[in-house]
Amino acid sequence: MKRLLLIGAMWFSASAVFADDKETFNQMLAADTHGKAHDVLDDLKGKWEYTVKCWVTPESSPEEIRGKSEFSWVFERKFLFEDHRDQRMGISYQAQRFFGYDNGAKEYVMVQLDGTASRVLVARGKQEEGSSVITFHGEYVHPVSGVPVKTRTVLTIDRKEPKLEVYETASEGAEFKALEISYAKKVRLGA
């Protein structure tokens, strides 16, 4: 009889834990779904042509580059993936970015992988109230100096002419505009 009671108690305890885990799992699934915050990024979806202006230092004149980019949803429309390609100084350049909304942290995220410099930029940001502007703050390690570089990336979402601007903090602490990408829509992709 003791053995039967012990087995019954163990079964009851396991059922309670499983129920809690299942409830937690269901809550996690509900929290990790595509929502209105993700929809803010939807106007970027499609194929684009772009013009990039790059400033190496605050005093330098910008270099102008033209290229092509494609944005498409991945991971059940939770992240918008950008494949960005152009030619820089005779070298093929490719970067890939992921834009998304972190439901748990209640903020936007951007991860950029730079294929030429093997650089990774991770940034988090907020949407400006009542606007289509998301400002990200992040950091990457400079591939030559090895020094961390703080960035402020301003993404202006527009159905026809979105813009991505990157500001970096120079070694003496002053922020300067390092990059501006102006997109022009080529083809809109389906959902």
Protein backbone atom coordinates (compact mmCIF):
# COMPACT_ATOMS: atom_id res chain seq x y z
CA MET A 1 0.00 0.00 0.00
CA LYS A 2 2.86 2.37 0.82
CA ARG A 3 4.36 1.64 -2.55
CA LEU A 4 1.06 2.43 -4.29
CA LEU A 5 0.76 5.71 -2.36
CA LEU A 6 4.35 6.62 -3.25
CA ILE A 7 3.74 5.93 -6.96
CA GLY A 8 0.51 7.94 -6.83
CA ALA A 9 2.27 10.87 -5.12
CA MET A 10 5.08 10.80 -7.69
CA TRP A 11 2.57 10.72 -10.57
CA PHE A 12 0.63 13.64 -9.06
CA SER A 13 3.85 15.68 -8.58
CA ALA A 14 5.03 14.92 -12.13
CA SER A 15 1.62 15.91 -13.52
CA ALA A 16 1.72 19.22 -11.65
CA VAL A 17 5.24 19.98 -12.97
CA PHE A 18 4.26 18.98 -16.50
CA ALA A 19 1.15 21.16 -16.32
CA ASP A 20 3.26 24.12 -15.16
CA ASP A 21 5.81 23.46 -17.89
CA LYS A 22 3.07 23.15 -20.50
CA GLU A 23 1.47 26.38 -19.29
CA THR A 24 4.85 28.12 -19.36
CA PHE A 25 5.52 26.69 -22.81
CA ASN A 26 2.14 27.95 -24.08
CA GLN A 27 2.82 31.39 -22.60
CA MET A 28 6.20 31.45 -24.33
CA LEU A 29 4.61 30.51 -27.65
CA ALA A 30 2.03 33.28 -27.28
CA ALA A 31 4.72 35.83 -26.37
CA ASP A 32 6.96 34.82 -29.26
CA THR A 33 4.53 35.43 -32.10
CA HIS A 34 4.66 37.97 -34.91
CA GLY A 35 2.83 41.12 -33.82
CA LYS A 36 2.13 44.76 -34.65
CA ALA A 37 5.67 45.80 -33.74
CA HIS A 38 6.99 43.43 -36.42
CA ASP A 39 4.51 44.84 -38.96
CA VAL A 40 6.27 48.22 -38.69
CA LEU A 41 9.13 46.68 -40.69
CA ASP A 42 6.89 45.32 -43.46
CA ASP A 43 7.31 48.31 -45.81
CA LEU A 44 10.99 47.34 -46.22
CA LYS A 45 10.13 43.98 -47.79
CA GLY A 46 11.15 43.70 -51.43
CA LYS A 47 14.00 44.37 -53.83
CA TRP A 48 15.73 47.74 -53.71
CA GLU A 49 18.44 49.71 -55.41
CA TYR A 50 20.39 51.96 -53.11
CA THR A 51 23.00 54.67 -52.88
CA VAL A 52 25.46 54.54 -50.00
CA LYS A 53 27.47 57.51 -48.78
CA CYS A 54 30.43 56.56 -46.54
CA TRP A 55 32.51 58.88 -44.39
CA VAL A 56 35.73 57.35 -43.03
CA THR A 57 36.44 60.28 -40.69
CA PRO A 58 34.39 63.32 -39.67
CA GLU A 59 36.52 65.50 -41.98
CA SER A 60 36.46 63.25 -45.06
CA SER A 61 34.29 63.71 -48.12
CA PRO A 62 31.77 60.91 -48.60
CA GLU A 63 32.43 58.09 -51.02
CA GLU A 64 29.30 57.23 -53.03
CA ILE A 65 28.44 53.63 -53.90
CA ARG A 66 25.45 52.09 -55.67
CA GLY A 67 24.15 48.61 -55.03
CA LYS A 68 21.20 46.25 -54.65
CA SER A 69 19.44 44.90 -51.62
CA GLU A 70 16.63 42.47 -50.90
CA PHE A 71 14.55 42.31 -47.72
CA SER A 72 12.52 39.18 -46.95
CA TRP A 73 10.80 37.79 -43.88
CA VAL A 74 12.33 34.76 -42.12
CA PHE A 75 11.43 32.73 -39.01
CA GLU A 76 7.66 33.02 -39.38
CA ARG A 77 7.80 36.79 -40.07
CA LYS A 78 9.65 37.52 -36.83
CA PHE A 79 12.81 38.82 -38.50
CA LEU A 80 13.32 40.77 -41.69
CA PHE A 81 16.48 39.60 -43.46
CA GLU A 82 18.42 41.97 -45.72
CA ASP A 83 20.99 40.80 -48.26
CA HIS A 84 23.01 43.87 -49.26
CA ARG A 85 25.52 43.79 -52.19
CA ASP A 86 27.69 46.28 -54.05
CA GLN A 87 31.21 46.96 -55.33
CA ARG A 88 33.61 49.00 -53.19
CA MET A 89 36.99 49.99 -54.57
CA GLY A 90 36.76 47.15 -57.07
CA ILE A 91 35.92 44.55 -54.41
CA SER A 92 32.60 42.72 -54.07
CA TYR A 93 30.98 43.76 -50.80
CA GLN A 94 28.22 41.89 -48.99
CA ALA A 95 26.51 42.57 -45.70
CA GLN A 96 23.53 40.84 -44.18
CA ARG A 97 21.23 42.35 -41.60
CA PHE A 98 18.44 41.01 -39.48
CA PHE A 99 15.82 43.44 -38.16
CA GLY A 100 13.22 42.27 -35.69
CA TYR A 101 11.30 42.99 -32.53
CA ASP A 102 12.22 41.26 -29.27
CA ASN A 103 8.85 40.65 -27.59
CA GLY A 104 10.48 39.89 -24.23
CA ALA A 105 12.70 42.97 -24.11
CA LYS A 106 10.05 45.14 -25.82
CA GLU A 107 12.57 46.63 -28.23
CA TYR A 108 13.76 46.35 -31.80
CA VAL A 109 16.94 44.45 -32.64
CA MET A 110 19.39 44.66 -35.52
CA VAL A 111 22.29 42.33 -36.23
CA GLN A 112 24.62 43.13 -39.11
CA LEU A 113 27.17 40.68 -40.46
CA ASP A 114 29.82 42.32 -42.60
CA GLY A 115 31.30 39.79 -45.03
CA THR A 116 34.24 41.93 -46.09
CA ALA A 117 35.63 42.84 -42.68
CA SER A 118 34.16 39.87 -40.76
CA ARG A 119 32.60 42.46 -38.46
CA VAL A 120 29.44 41.93 -36.41
CA LEU A 121 27.28 44.79 -35.19
CA VAL A 122 24.58 44.09 -32.62
CA ALA A 123 22.17 46.90 -31.77
CA ARG A 124 18.92 47.41 -29.90
CA GLY A 125 16.47 50.23 -30.34
CA LYS A 126 13.13 51.89 -29.86
CA GLN A 127 10.59 53.30 -32.28
CA GLU A 128 10.07 57.03 -31.88
CA GLU A 129 6.54 57.71 -30.67
CA GLY A 130 4.09 58.24 -33.55
CA SER A 131 6.74 57.94 -36.25
CA SER A 132 8.26 55.41 -38.61
CA VAL A 133 11.76 55.94 -37.19
CA ILE A 134 13.62 53.34 -35.14
CA THR A 135 16.86 54.39 -33.43
CA PHE A 136 19.29 51.59 -32.55
CA HIS A 137 22.32 51.79 -30.26
CA GLY A 138 25.08 49.24 -30.66
CA GLU A 139 28.76 48.51 -30.86
CA TYR A 140 31.27 46.70 -33.05
CA VAL A 141 35.02 46.18 -32.84
CA HIS A 142 36.99 48.11 -35.45
CA PRO A 143 38.73 45.53 -37.69
CA VAL A 144 42.02 47.47 -37.88
CA SER A 145 42.44 49.13 -34.47
CA GLY A 146 40.61 46.48 -32.42
CA VAL A 147 38.90 49.30 -30.51
CA PRO A 148 35.15 49.08 -29.74
CA VAL A 149 33.13 51.61 -31.75
CA LYS A 150 29.76 52.82 -30.45
CA THR A 151 27.07 53.32 -33.07
CA ARG A 152 23.69 54.99 -33.35
CA THR A 153 21.70 53.70 -36.33
CA VAL A 154 18.59 55.56 -37.45
CA LEU A 155 16.24 53.53 -39.64
CA THR A 156 13.53 55.60 -41.33
CA ILE A 157 10.90 53.25 -42.73
CA ASP A 158 9.08 54.45 -45.81
CA ARG A 159 7.25 52.47 -48.47
CA LYS A 160 9.09 54.28 -51.30
CA GLU A 161 12.31 55.80 -49.93
CA PRO A 162 13.54 54.34 -46.63
CA LYS A 163 16.87 55.43 -45.23
CA LEU A 164 19.45 53.92 -42.88
CA GLU A 165 21.92 56.31 -41.25
CA VAL A 166 24.82 55.19 -39.06
CA TYR A 167 26.57 57.54 -36.66
CA GLU A 168 29.79 56.48 -34.95
CA THR A 169 31.52 57.90 -31.92
CA ALA A 170 35.07 58.86 -32.83
CA SER A 171 37.99 58.06 -30.52
CA GLU A 172 37.88 61.57 -29.05
CA GLY A 173 34.21 61.07 -28.15
CA ALA A 174 32.49 63.13 -30.85
CA GLU A 175 29.74 61.49 -32.89
CA PHE A 176 29.87 61.77 -36.69
CA LYS A 177 27.83 60.45 -39.60
CA ALA A 178 29.69 57.43 -41.02
CA LEU A 179 27.13 55.95 -43.41
CA GLU A 180 23.88 56.79 -45.16
CA ILE A 181 21.94 54.33 -47.30
CA SER A 182 19.10 55.75 -49.41
CA TYR A 183 16.89 53.01 -50.89
CA ALA A 184 14.67 53.19 -53.98
CA LYS A 185 12.06 50.45 -54.47
CA LYS A 186 12.60 48.08 -57.33
CA VAL A 187 10.16 45.18 -56.73
CA ARG A 188 7.75 44.44 -53.86
CA LEU A 189 7.82 40.81 -52.64
CA GLY A 190 4.78 38.87 -51.39
CA ALA A 191 4.23 38.09 -47.67
